[in-house]
Amino acid sequence: QVQLMESGGDLVQPGGSLRLSCAAPEINVVFFNFGWHRQVPGNRREELASIDTEGTPMYQNPAKGRFIISRDNALKTVYLQIYDLRPEDTAVYFCNAKMKSSSVEYWGRGTQVTVSS
């Protein structure tokens, strides 16, 4: 079973920043769109941002203004840079990879981000 690997989650103070990474060593990433999501226990998973095979980003409302998604195909890694972290950003952050024009999709197990003073 293909597994994506998120990393970079941490405990940070409000106003801080983090860069999350999503490594996908087992797949040919050039054929996949990637996305970042987050989930608070008891809540639905929330989509934040996606980036297509051409590198074009798209942001959902919760991620507009403070989040930047990017990808490095050579490193098979997708990033989510988050600025000005707020307590409400506390969640487990997940990435997914969805093959273009296909139903093939993979997920990671998530990385915990905690924003607290």
Protein backbone atom coordinates (compact mmCIF):
# COMPACT_ATOMS: atom_id res chain seq x y z
CA GLN A 1 0.00 0.00 0.00
CA VAL A 2 1.48 3.32 -1.07
CA GLN A 3 1.86 5.71 1.84
CA LEU A 4 2.66 9.39 1.72
CA MET A 5 4.79 10.72 4.57
CA GLU A 6 4.03 14.05 6.18
CA SER A 7 6.52 15.78 8.47
CA GLY A 8 7.26 19.19 9.93
CA GLY A 9 4.45 19.46 12.45
CA ASP A 10 5.43 20.97 15.76
CA LEU A 11 4.33 22.97 18.78
CA VAL A 12 4.68 26.65 17.89
CA GLN A 13 3.68 29.94 19.45
CA PRO A 14 1.01 32.14 17.88
CA GLY A 15 2.51 34.23 15.11
CA GLY A 16 5.09 31.64 14.24
CA SER A 17 5.50 29.77 10.98
CA LEU A 18 6.01 26.20 9.85
CA ARG A 19 6.80 24.38 6.66
CA LEU A 20 5.15 21.00 6.34
CA SER A 21 6.51 18.41 3.94
CA CYS A 22 4.81 15.54 2.16
CA ALA A 23 7.17 12.96 0.70
CA ALA A 24 5.96 10.55 -1.98
CA PRO A 25 8.95 8.35 -2.80
CA GLU A 26 6.92 5.43 -4.13
CA ILE A 27 4.99 7.17 -6.89
CA ASN A 28 5.78 9.03 -10.10
CA VAL A 29 4.70 12.43 -8.81
CA VAL A 30 4.55 14.11 -12.23
CA PHE A 31 1.25 12.30 -12.84
CA PHE A 32 -0.33 13.38 -9.55
CA ASN A 33 -2.11 16.41 -8.21
CA PHE A 34 -1.44 16.96 -4.50
CA GLY A 35 -3.48 18.46 -1.70
CA TRP A 36 -3.17 19.47 1.92
CA HIS A 37 -5.99 19.01 4.42
CA ARG A 38 -6.40 19.29 8.16
CA GLN A 39 -8.64 17.75 10.78
CA VAL A 40 -9.49 18.54 14.36
CA PRO A 41 -10.77 15.55 16.38
CA GLY A 42 -14.52 15.37 16.11
CA ASN A 43 -14.62 17.56 13.01
CA ARG A 44 -14.64 16.81 9.31
CA ARG A 45 -11.41 16.85 7.38
CA GLU A 46 -10.98 20.29 5.80
CA GLU A 47 -9.33 20.87 2.45
CA LEU A 48 -6.79 23.69 2.48
CA ALA A 49 -4.89 23.81 -0.78
CA SER A 50 -4.01 21.81 -3.85
CA ILE A 51 -1.39 21.95 -6.57
CA ASP A 52 -1.74 20.37 -9.96
CA THR A 53 0.78 18.61 -12.15
CA GLU A 54 1.71 21.93 -13.78
CA GLY A 55 2.45 23.52 -10.39
CA THR A 56 -0.66 25.69 -10.34
CA PRO A 57 -1.89 26.20 -6.77
CA MET A 58 -5.43 26.58 -5.58
CA TYR A 59 -6.48 27.64 -2.09
CA GLN A 60 -9.66 27.12 -0.15
CA ASN A 61 -10.92 29.92 2.08
CA PRO A 62 -9.22 28.76 5.32
CA ALA A 63 -5.84 28.84 3.57
CA LYS A 64 -6.05 32.09 1.63
CA GLY A 65 -3.46 34.64 2.63
CA ARG A 66 -1.27 32.69 5.09
CA PHE A 67 -0.63 29.35 3.36
CA ILE A 68 1.58 28.57 0.39
CA ILE A 69 1.62 25.19 -1.33
CA SER A 70 4.52 24.19 -3.55
CA ARG A 71 6.06 21.08 -5.05
CA ASP A 72 9.49 19.79 -5.97
CA ASN A 73 9.10 16.93 -8.42
CA ALA A 74 12.80 16.05 -8.31
CA LEU A 75 12.56 15.51 -4.56
CA LYS A 76 9.10 13.96 -4.84
CA THR A 77 7.94 16.32 -2.12
CA VAL A 78 5.09 18.77 -1.69
CA TYR A 79 5.23 21.56 0.87
CA LEU A 80 2.81 23.68 2.82
CA GLN A 81 4.27 26.86 4.27
CA ILE A 82 2.10 28.42 6.96
CA TYR A 83 2.67 31.93 8.29
CA ASP A 84 1.20 33.78 11.25
CA LEU A 85 0.00 30.62 12.93
CA ARG A 86 -3.07 30.92 15.13
CA PRO A 87 -4.48 28.63 17.83
CA GLU A 88 -7.30 27.71 15.46
CA ASP A 89 -4.71 26.23 13.08
CA THR A 90 -4.14 23.45 15.62
CA ALA A 91 -4.97 20.20 13.83
CA VAL A 92 -3.53 17.13 12.22
CA TYR A 93 -2.40 18.02 8.71
CA PHE A 94 -2.67 15.45 5.94
CA CYS A 95 -1.55 15.36 2.35
CA ASN A 96 -3.03 13.37 -0.50
CA ALA A 97 -1.98 12.56 -4.04
CA LYS A 98 -4.57 12.03 -6.75
CA MET A 99 -3.60 10.72 -10.14
CA LYS A 100 -4.66 13.01 -12.94
CA SER A 101 -7.67 11.67 -14.87
CA SER A 102 -7.92 8.67 -12.58
CA SER A 103 -9.50 7.58 -9.32
CA VAL A 104 -6.15 6.49 -7.88
CA GLU A 105 -5.53 8.37 -4.65
CA TYR A 106 -3.12 8.04 -1.75
CA TRP A 107 -3.03 9.61 1.70
CA GLY A 108 -0.52 10.06 4.47
CA ARG A 109 -1.02 9.52 8.17
CA GLY A 110 -0.73 13.18 9.09
CA THR A 111 1.49 15.45 11.13
CA GLN A 112 0.36 17.29 14.25
CA VAL A 113 0.48 21.07 14.37
CA THR A 114 -0.19 22.69 17.73
CA VAL A 115 -0.31 26.46 18.13
CA SER A 116 -0.17 27.55 21.73
CA SER A 117 1.65 29.98 23.98
